[in-house]
Amino acid sequence: IRRCEKSGFYRNDGYWVVPEGHYFMMGDNRGRSSDSRLWRNPATGEAMSFVPAEHIVGKAGAVWMHWDEFTSLPSFSRNKAIQ
């Protein structure tokens, strides 16, 4: 998993060890998602990369309204159920 520094650019030289009972969240657009690689505690600025299992309350069921990279409009071409 690539580590993201404050600059917002993903780097290839970091490794993440996910603690037992936690999850590392990845967005569906790996290169541009604001996911576990970017999350920080707003009060301290420290990384908050892992989600405790007890904080997960549901499961994704569908892909909806994907935004194409070069437009400001959503694309419905990828809408589908997640199995």
PDB file of N, CA and C in Angstrom:
ATOM      1  N   ILE A   1       0.856  -1.168   0.000  1.00  0.00           N
ATOM      2  CA  ILE A   1       0.000   0.000   0.000  1.00  0.00           C
ATOM      3  C   ILE A   1       0.897   1.224   0.000  1.00  0.00           C
ATOM      4  N   ARG A   2       0.566   2.182  -0.816  1.00  0.00           N
ATOM      5  CA  ARG A   2       1.393   3.381  -0.896  1.00  0.00           C
ATOM      6  C   ARG A   2       1.035   4.370   0.205  1.00  0.00           C
ATOM      7  N   ARG A   3       2.039   4.985   0.741  1.00  0.00           N
ATOM      8  CA  ARG A   3       1.843   5.959   1.808  1.00  0.00           C
ATOM      9  C   ARG A   3       1.730   7.354   1.205  1.00  0.00           C
ATOM     10  N   CYS A   4       0.869   8.183   1.751  1.00  0.00           N
ATOM     11  CA  CYS A   4       0.662   9.536   1.249  1.00  0.00           C
ATOM     12  C   CYS A   4       1.199  10.530   2.267  1.00  0.00           C
ATOM     13  N   GLU A   5       2.024  11.422   1.823  1.00  0.00           N
ATOM     14  CA  GLU A   5       2.547  12.474   2.681  1.00  0.00           C
ATOM     15  C   GLU A   5       1.618  13.682   2.621  1.00  0.00           C
ATOM     16  N   LYS A   6       1.893  14.708   3.413  1.00  0.00           N
ATOM     17  CA  LYS A   6       1.036  15.886   3.458  1.00  0.00           C
ATOM     18  C   LYS A   6       0.916  16.590   2.116  1.00  0.00           C
ATOM     19  N   SER A   7       1.865  16.389   1.231  1.00  0.00           N
ATOM     20  CA  SER A   7       1.822  17.051  -0.069  1.00  0.00           C
ATOM     21  C   SER A   7       0.638  16.585  -0.898  1.00  0.00           C
ATOM     22  N   GLY A   8       0.049  15.438  -0.555  1.00  0.00           N
ATOM     23  CA  GLY A   8      -1.078  14.918  -1.306  1.00  0.00           C
ATOM     24  C   GLY A   8      -0.670  13.968  -2.415  1.00  0.00           C
ATOM     25  N   PHE A   9       0.627  13.775  -2.609  1.00  0.00           N
ATOM     26  CA  PHE A   9       1.093  12.850  -3.635  1.00  0.00           C
ATOM     27  C   PHE A   9       1.384  11.505  -2.993  1.00  0.00           C
ATOM     28  N   TYR A  10       0.943  10.446  -3.635  1.00  0.00           N
ATOM     29  CA  TYR A  10       1.157   9.114  -3.093  1.00  0.00           C
ATOM     30  C   TYR A  10       2.587   8.670  -3.352  1.00  0.00           C
ATOM     31  N   ARG A  11       3.197   8.093  -2.346  1.00  0.00           N
ATOM     32  CA  ARG A  11       4.566   7.607  -2.475  1.00  0.00           C
ATOM     33  C   ARG A  11       4.558   6.097  -2.435  1.00  0.00           C
ATOM     34  N   ASN A  12       5.597   5.512  -2.977  1.00  0.00           N
ATOM     35  CA  ASN A  12       5.683   4.061  -3.098  1.00  0.00           C
ATOM     36  C   ASN A  12       6.624   3.442  -2.077  1.00  0.00           C
ATOM     37  N   ASP A  13       7.118   4.215  -1.125  1.00  0.00           N
ATOM     38  CA  ASP A  13       8.170   3.699  -0.247  1.00  0.00           C
ATOM     39  C   ASP A  13       7.706   3.439   1.188  1.00  0.00           C
ATOM     40  N   GLY A  14       6.409   3.412   1.435  1.00  0.00           N
ATOM     41  CA  GLY A  14       5.929   3.163   2.790  1.00  0.00           C
ATOM     42  C   GLY A  14       5.153   1.863   2.884  1.00  0.00           C
ATOM     43  N   TYR A  15       5.151   1.280   4.066  1.00  0.00           N
ATOM     44  CA  TYR A  15       4.389   0.055   4.311  1.00  0.00           C
ATOM     45  C   TYR A  15       3.468   0.299   5.491  1.00  0.00           C
ATOM     46  N   TRP A  16       2.312  -0.302   5.441  1.00  0.00           N
ATOM     47  CA  TRP A  16       1.333  -0.184   6.510  1.00  0.00           C
ATOM     48  C   TRP A  16       1.153  -1.558   7.147  1.00  0.00           C
ATOM     49  N   VAL A  17       1.206  -1.596   8.449  1.00  0.00           N
ATOM     50  CA  VAL A  17       0.889  -2.816   9.185  1.00  0.00           C
ATOM     51  C   VAL A  17      -0.430  -2.531   9.899  1.00  0.00           C
ATOM     52  N   VAL A  18      -1.466  -3.237   9.490  1.00  0.00           N
ATOM     53  CA  VAL A  18      -2.800  -3.003  10.039  1.00  0.00           C
ATOM     54  C   VAL A  18      -2.956  -3.816  11.322  1.00  0.00           C
ATOM     55  N   PRO A  19      -3.248  -3.139  12.431  1.00  0.00           N
ATOM     56  CA  PRO A  19      -3.403  -3.864  13.693  1.00  0.00           C
ATOM     57  C   PRO A  19      -4.580  -4.835  13.641  1.00  0.00           C
ATOM     58  N   GLU A  20      -4.465  -5.909  14.377  1.00  0.00           N
ATOM     59  CA  GLU A  20      -5.560  -6.882  14.455  1.00  0.00           C
ATOM     60  C   GLU A  20      -6.822  -6.184  14.959  1.00  0.00           C
ATOM     61  N   GLY A  21      -7.950  -6.536  14.361  1.00  0.00           N
ATOM     62  CA  GLY A  21      -9.217  -5.944  14.759  1.00  0.00           C
ATOM     63  C   GLY A  21      -9.486  -4.585  14.139  1.00  0.00           C
ATOM     64  N   HIS A  22      -8.659  -4.180  13.181  1.00  0.00           N
ATOM     65  CA  HIS A  22      -8.814  -2.900  12.495  1.00  0.00           C
ATOM     66  C   HIS A  22      -8.856  -3.124  10.987  1.00  0.00           C
ATOM     67  N   TYR A  23      -9.306  -2.104  10.273  1.00  0.00           N
ATOM     68  CA  TYR A  23      -9.381  -2.161   8.813  1.00  0.00           C
ATOM     69  C   TYR A  23      -8.703  -0.938   8.217  1.00  0.00           C
ATOM     70  N   PHE A  24      -8.118  -1.128   7.057  1.00  0.00           N
ATOM     71  CA  PHE A  24      -7.512  -0.056   6.272  1.00  0.00           C
ATOM     72  C   PHE A  24      -8.469   0.228   5.125  1.00  0.00           C
ATOM     73  N   MET A  25      -9.025   1.418   5.052  1.00  0.00           N
ATOM     74  CA  MET A  25     -10.048   1.746   4.058  1.00  0.00           C
ATOM     75  C   MET A  25      -9.419   2.306   2.789  1.00  0.00           C
ATOM     76  N   MET A  26      -9.849   1.751   1.664  1.00  0.00           N
ATOM     77  CA  MET A  26      -9.379   2.233   0.359  1.00  0.00           C
ATOM     78  C   MET A  26     -10.586   2.676  -0.452  1.00  0.00           C
ATOM     79  N   GLY A  27     -10.457   3.818  -1.117  1.00  0.00           N
ATOM     80  CA  GLY A  27     -11.522   4.291  -1.986  1.00  0.00           C
ATOM     81  C   GLY A  27     -11.530   3.529  -3.299  1.00  0.00           C
ATOM     82  N   ASP A  28     -12.601   3.678  -4.048  1.00  0.00           N
ATOM     83  CA  ASP A  28     -12.710   2.949  -5.313  1.00  0.00           C
ATOM     84  C   ASP A  28     -11.846   3.566  -6.406  1.00  0.00           C
ATOM     85  N   ASN A  29     -11.305   4.740  -6.169  1.00  0.00           N
ATOM     86  CA  ASN A  29     -10.407   5.394  -7.116  1.00  0.00           C
ATOM     87  C   ASN A  29      -9.063   5.537  -6.410  1.00  0.00           C
ATOM     88  N   ARG A  30      -8.286   4.467  -6.406  1.00  0.00           N
ATOM     89  CA  ARG A  30      -7.054   4.410  -5.607  1.00  0.00           C
ATOM     90  C   ARG A  30      -6.158   5.621  -5.745  1.00  0.00           C
ATOM     91  N   GLY A  31      -5.996   6.129  -6.962  1.00  0.00           N
ATOM     92  CA  GLY A  31      -5.057   7.220  -7.181  1.00  0.00           C
ATOM     93  C   GLY A  31      -5.529   8.572  -6.700  1.00  0.00           C
ATOM     94  N   ARG A  32      -6.819   8.723  -6.419  1.00  0.00           N
ATOM     95  CA  ARG A  32      -7.344  10.040  -6.068  1.00  0.00           C
ATOM     96  C   ARG A  32      -8.315  10.011  -4.884  1.00  0.00           C
ATOM     97  N   SER A  33      -8.362   8.942  -4.154  1.00  0.00           N
ATOM     98  CA  SER A  33      -9.328   8.828  -3.054  1.00  0.00           C
ATOM     99  C   SER A  33      -8.789   9.420  -1.762  1.00  0.00           C
ATOM    100  N   SER A  34      -9.668  10.055  -1.025  1.00  0.00           N
ATOM    101  CA  SER A  34      -9.339  10.513   0.319  1.00  0.00           C
ATOM    102  C   SER A  34      -9.726   9.376   1.265  1.00  0.00           C
ATOM    103  N   ASP A  35      -8.796   8.449   1.447  1.00  0.00           N
ATOM    104  CA  ASP A  35      -9.074   7.240   2.217  1.00  0.00           C
ATOM    105  C   ASP A  35      -8.092   7.116   3.373  1.00  0.00           C
ATOM    106  N   SER A  36      -7.892   5.934   3.893  1.00  0.00           N
ATOM    107  CA  SER A  36      -7.033   5.731   5.065  1.00  0.00           C
ATOM    108  C   SER A  36      -5.634   6.310   4.894  1.00  0.00           C
ATOM    109  N   ARG A  37      -5.173   6.415   3.680  1.00  0.00           N
ATOM    110  CA  ARG A  37      -3.830   6.945   3.451  1.00  0.00           C
ATOM    111  C   ARG A  37      -3.723   8.423   3.794  1.00  0.00           C
ATOM    112  N   LEU A  38      -4.841   9.131   3.836  1.00  0.00           N
ATOM    113  CA  LEU A  38      -4.831  10.574   4.074  1.00  0.00           C
ATOM    114  C   LEU A  38      -5.433  11.005   5.401  1.00  0.00           C
ATOM    115  N   TRP A  39      -6.188  10.148   6.056  1.00  0.00           N
ATOM    116  CA  TRP A  39      -6.940  10.561   7.240  1.00  0.00           C
ATOM    117  C   TRP A  39      -6.027  10.999   8.369  1.00  0.00           C
ATOM    118  N   ARG A  40      -6.375  12.132   8.968  1.00  0.00           N
ATOM    119  CA  ARG A  40      -5.613  12.679  10.091  1.00  0.00           C
ATOM    120  C   ARG A  40      -6.573  13.149  11.179  1.00  0.00           C
ATOM    121  N   ASN A  41      -6.107  13.133  12.405  1.00  0.00           N
ATOM    122  CA  ASN A  41      -6.868  13.678  13.520  1.00  0.00           C
ATOM    123  C   ASN A  41      -6.844  15.199  13.386  1.00  0.00           C
ATOM    124  N   PRO A  42      -8.004  15.859  13.251  1.00  0.00           N
ATOM    125  CA  PRO A  42      -8.005  17.308  13.048  1.00  0.00           C
ATOM    126  C   PRO A  42      -7.421  18.085  14.221  1.00  0.00           C
ATOM    127  N   ALA A  43      -7.481  17.538  15.415  1.00  0.00           N
ATOM    128  CA  ALA A  43      -6.965  18.233  16.593  1.00  0.00           C
ATOM    129  C   ALA A  43      -5.449  18.153  16.695  1.00  0.00           C
ATOM    130  N   THR A  44      -4.873  17.014  16.305  1.00  0.00           N
ATOM    131  CA  THR A  44      -3.434  16.806  16.500  1.00  0.00           C
ATOM    132  C   THR A  44      -2.641  16.717  15.205  1.00  0.00           C
ATOM    133  N   GLY A  45      -3.318  16.431  14.094  1.00  0.00           N
ATOM    134  CA  GLY A  45      -2.614  16.244  12.826  1.00  0.00           C
ATOM    135  C   GLY A  45      -1.997  14.866  12.680  1.00  0.00           C
ATOM    136  N   GLU A  46      -2.152  14.019  13.699  1.00  0.00           N
ATOM    137  CA  GLU A  46      -1.587  12.671  13.641  1.00  0.00           C
ATOM    138  C   GLU A  46      -2.405  11.784  12.714  1.00  0.00           C
ATOM    139  N   ALA A  47      -1.728  10.801  12.121  1.00  0.00           N
ATOM    140  CA  ALA A  47      -2.393   9.866  11.216  1.00  0.00           C
ATOM    141  C   ALA A  47      -3.459   9.070  11.958  1.00  0.00           C
ATOM    142  N   MET A  48      -4.600   8.882  11.310  1.00  0.00           N
ATOM    143  CA  MET A  48      -5.694   8.048  11.827  1.00  0.00           C
ATOM    144  C   MET A  48      -6.056   7.069  10.723  1.00  0.00           C
ATOM    145  N   SER A  49      -5.158   6.175  10.416  1.00  0.00           N
ATOM    146  CA  SER A  49      -5.281   5.359   9.213  1.00  0.00           C
ATOM    147  C   SER A  49      -6.160   4.131   9.356  1.00  0.00           C
ATOM    148  N   PHE A  50      -6.384   3.663  10.551  1.00  0.00           N
ATOM    149  CA  PHE A  50      -7.060   2.386  10.731  1.00  0.00           C
ATOM    150  C   PHE A  50      -8.405   2.561  11.431  1.00  0.00           C
ATOM    151  N   VAL A  51      -9.387   1.803  10.986  1.00  0.00           N
ATOM    152  CA  VAL A  51     -10.737   1.876  11.549  1.00  0.00           C
ATOM    153  C   VAL A  51     -10.965   0.640  12.416  1.00  0.00           C
ATOM    154  N   PRO A  52     -11.295   0.832  13.693  1.00  0.00           N
ATOM    155  CA  PRO A  52     -11.594  -0.325  14.539  1.00  0.00           C
ATOM    156  C   PRO A  52     -12.825  -1.065  14.014  1.00  0.00           C
ATOM    157  N   ALA A  53     -12.811  -2.380  14.102  1.00  0.00           N
ATOM    158  CA  ALA A  53     -13.910  -3.202  13.586  1.00  0.00           C
ATOM    159  C   ALA A  53     -15.255  -2.789  14.180  1.00  0.00           C
ATOM    160  N   GLU A  54     -15.273  -2.374  15.440  1.00  0.00           N
ATOM    161  CA  GLU A  54     -16.549  -2.012  16.065  1.00  0.00           C
ATOM    162  C   GLU A  54     -17.130  -0.705  15.522  1.00  0.00           C
ATOM    163  N   HIS A  55     -16.355   0.053  14.753  1.00  0.00           N
ATOM    164  CA  HIS A  55     -16.864   1.284  14.141  1.00  0.00           C
ATOM    165  C   HIS A  55     -17.513   1.038  12.785  1.00  0.00           C
ATOM    166  N   ILE A  56     -17.369  -0.153  12.256  1.00  0.00           N
ATOM    167  CA  ILE A  56     -17.960  -0.471  10.952  1.00  0.00           C
ATOM    168  C   ILE A  56     -19.402  -0.891  11.173  1.00  0.00           C
ATOM    169  N   VAL A  57     -20.316  -0.167  10.517  1.00  0.00           N
ATOM    170  CA  VAL A  57     -21.741  -0.407  10.758  1.00  0.00           C
ATOM    171  C   VAL A  57     -22.476  -0.935   9.533  1.00  0.00           C
ATOM    172  N   GLY A  58     -21.788  -1.106   8.421  1.00  0.00           N
ATOM    173  CA  GLY A  58     -22.467  -1.591   7.220  1.00  0.00           C
ATOM    174  C   GLY A  58     -21.478  -2.081   6.189  1.00  0.00           C
ATOM    175  N   LYS A  59     -22.009  -2.449   5.049  1.00  0.00           N
ATOM    176  CA  LYS A  59     -21.203  -2.972   3.957  1.00  0.00           C
ATOM    177  C   LYS A  59     -21.685  -2.330   2.663  1.00  0.00           C
ATOM    178  N   ALA A  60     -20.746  -1.950   1.804  1.00  0.00           N
ATOM    179  CA  ALA A  60     -21.121  -1.356   0.515  1.00  0.00           C
ATOM    180  C   ALA A  60     -21.932  -2.350  -0.293  1.00  0.00           C
ATOM    181  N   GLY A  61     -22.960  -1.844  -0.945  1.00  0.00           N
ATOM    182  CA  GLY A  61     -23.814  -2.720  -1.741  1.00  0.00           C
ATOM    183  C   GLY A  61     -23.852  -2.367  -3.207  1.00  0.00           C
ATOM    184  N   ALA A  62     -23.313  -1.181  -3.558  1.00  0.00           N
ATOM    185  CA  ALA A  62     -23.388  -0.763  -4.957  1.00  0.00           C
ATOM    186  C   ALA A  62     -22.343   0.300  -5.263  1.00  0.00           C
ATOM    187  N   VAL A  63     -21.972   0.386  -6.516  1.00  0.00           N
ATOM    188  CA  VAL A  63     -21.164   1.486  -7.037  1.00  0.00           C
ATOM    189  C   VAL A  63     -22.159   2.452  -7.665  1.00  0.00           C
ATOM    190  N   TRP A  64     -22.097   3.732  -7.291  1.00  0.00           N
ATOM    191  CA  TRP A  64     -23.087   4.688  -7.763  1.00  0.00           C
ATOM    192  C   TRP A  64     -22.419   6.011  -8.122  1.00  0.00           C
ATOM    193  N   MET A  65     -22.779   6.551  -9.252  1.00  0.00           N
ATOM    194  CA  MET A  65     -22.340   7.871  -9.706  1.00  0.00           C
ATOM    195  C   MET A  65     -20.824   8.062  -9.673  1.00  0.00           C
ATOM    196  N   HIS A  66     -20.124   7.307 -10.453  1.00  0.00           N
ATOM    197  CA  HIS A  66     -18.685   7.462 -10.618  1.00  0.00           C
ATOM    198  C   HIS A  66     -18.410   8.766 -11.369  1.00  0.00           C
ATOM    199  N   TRP A  67     -17.437   9.544 -10.918  1.00  0.00           N
ATOM    200  CA  TRP A  67     -17.061  10.763 -11.630  1.00  0.00           C
ATOM    201  C   TRP A  67     -15.906  10.465 -12.566  1.00  0.00           C
ATOM    202  N   ASP A  68     -16.072  10.812 -13.833  1.00  0.00           N
ATOM    203  CA  ASP A  68     -14.988  10.654 -14.793  1.00  0.00           C
ATOM    204  C   ASP A  68     -13.908  11.685 -14.498  1.00  0.00           C
ATOM    205  N   GLU A  69     -12.671  11.316 -14.762  1.00  0.00           N
ATOM    206  CA  GLU A  69     -11.536  12.160 -14.407  1.00  0.00           C
ATOM    207  C   GLU A  69     -11.537  13.509 -15.122  1.00  0.00           C
ATOM    208  N   PHE A  70     -11.992  13.562 -16.353  1.00  0.00           N
ATOM    209  CA  PHE A  70     -11.841  14.779 -17.145  1.00  0.00           C
ATOM    210  C   PHE A  70     -13.118  15.600 -17.279  1.00  0.00           C
ATOM    211  N   THR A  71     -14.144  15.277 -16.514  1.00  0.00           N
ATOM    212  CA  THR A  71     -15.376  16.067 -16.561  1.00  0.00           C
ATOM    213  C   THR A  71     -15.830  16.375 -15.145  1.00  0.00           C
ATOM    214  N   SER A  72     -16.753  17.290 -15.029  1.00  0.00           N
ATOM    215  CA  SER A  72     -17.308  17.589 -13.707  1.00  0.00           C
ATOM    216  C   SER A  72     -18.676  16.946 -13.531  1.00  0.00           C
ATOM    217  N   LEU A  73     -19.013  16.047 -14.449  1.00  0.00           N
ATOM    218  CA  LEU A  73     -20.307  15.374 -14.405  1.00  0.00           C
ATOM    219  C   LEU A  73     -20.141  13.900 -14.053  1.00  0.00           C
ATOM    220  N   PRO A  74     -21.117  13.339 -13.346  1.00  0.00           N
ATOM    221  CA  PRO A  74     -21.015  11.912 -13.020  1.00  0.00           C
ATOM    222  C   PRO A  74     -21.268  11.038 -14.240  1.00  0.00           C
ATOM    223  N   SER A  75     -20.692   9.855 -14.190  1.00  0.00           N
ATOM    224  CA  SER A  75     -20.931   8.848 -15.223  1.00  0.00           C
ATOM    225  C   SER A  75     -21.699   7.702 -14.576  1.00  0.00           C
ATOM    226  N   PHE A  76     -22.713   7.215 -15.252  1.00  0.00           N
ATOM    227  CA  PHE A  76     -23.491   6.105 -14.714  1.00  0.00           C
ATOM    228  C   PHE A  76     -23.085   4.778 -15.348  1.00  0.00           C
ATOM    229  N   SER A  77     -22.024   4.789 -16.156  1.00  0.00           N
ATOM    230  CA  SER A  77     -21.621   3.582 -16.883  1.00  0.00           C
ATOM    231  C   SER A  77     -21.104   2.480 -15.966  1.00  0.00           C
ATOM    232  N   ARG A  78     -20.644   2.821 -14.780  1.00  0.00           N
ATOM    233  CA  ARG A  78     -20.095   1.822 -13.858  1.00  0.00           C
ATOM    234  C   ARG A  78     -21.065   1.426 -12.757  1.00  0.00           C
ATOM    235  N   ASN A  79     -22.283   1.924 -12.776  1.00  0.00           N
ATOM    236  CA  ASN A  79     -23.247   1.557 -11.733  1.00  0.00           C
ATOM    237  C   ASN A  79     -23.458   0.053 -11.732  1.00  0.00           C
ATOM    238  N   LYS A  80     -23.352  -0.548 -10.558  1.00  0.00           N
ATOM    239  CA  LYS A  80     -23.573  -1.990 -10.458  1.00  0.00           C
ATOM    240  C   LYS A  80     -23.663  -2.397  -8.995  1.00  0.00           C
ATOM    241  N   ALA A  81     -24.184  -3.568  -8.779  1.00  0.00           N
ATOM    242  CA  ALA A  81     -24.237  -4.139  -7.433  1.00  0.00           C
ATOM    243  C   ALA A  81     -22.881  -4.742  -7.095  1.00  0.00           C
ATOM    244  N   ILE A  82     -22.517  -4.701  -5.831  1.00  0.00           N
ATOM    245  CA  ILE A  82     -21.283  -5.318  -5.356  1.00  0.00           C
ATOM    246  C   ILE A  82     -21.653  -6.664  -4.757  1.00  0.00           C
ATOM    247  N   GLN A  83     -20.965  -7.711  -5.176  1.00  0.00           N
ATOM    248  CA  GLN A  83     -21.267  -9.052  -4.674  1.00  0.00           C
ATOM    249  C   GLN A  83     -20.423  -9.394  -3.479  1.00  0.00           C
TER     250      GLN A  83
END
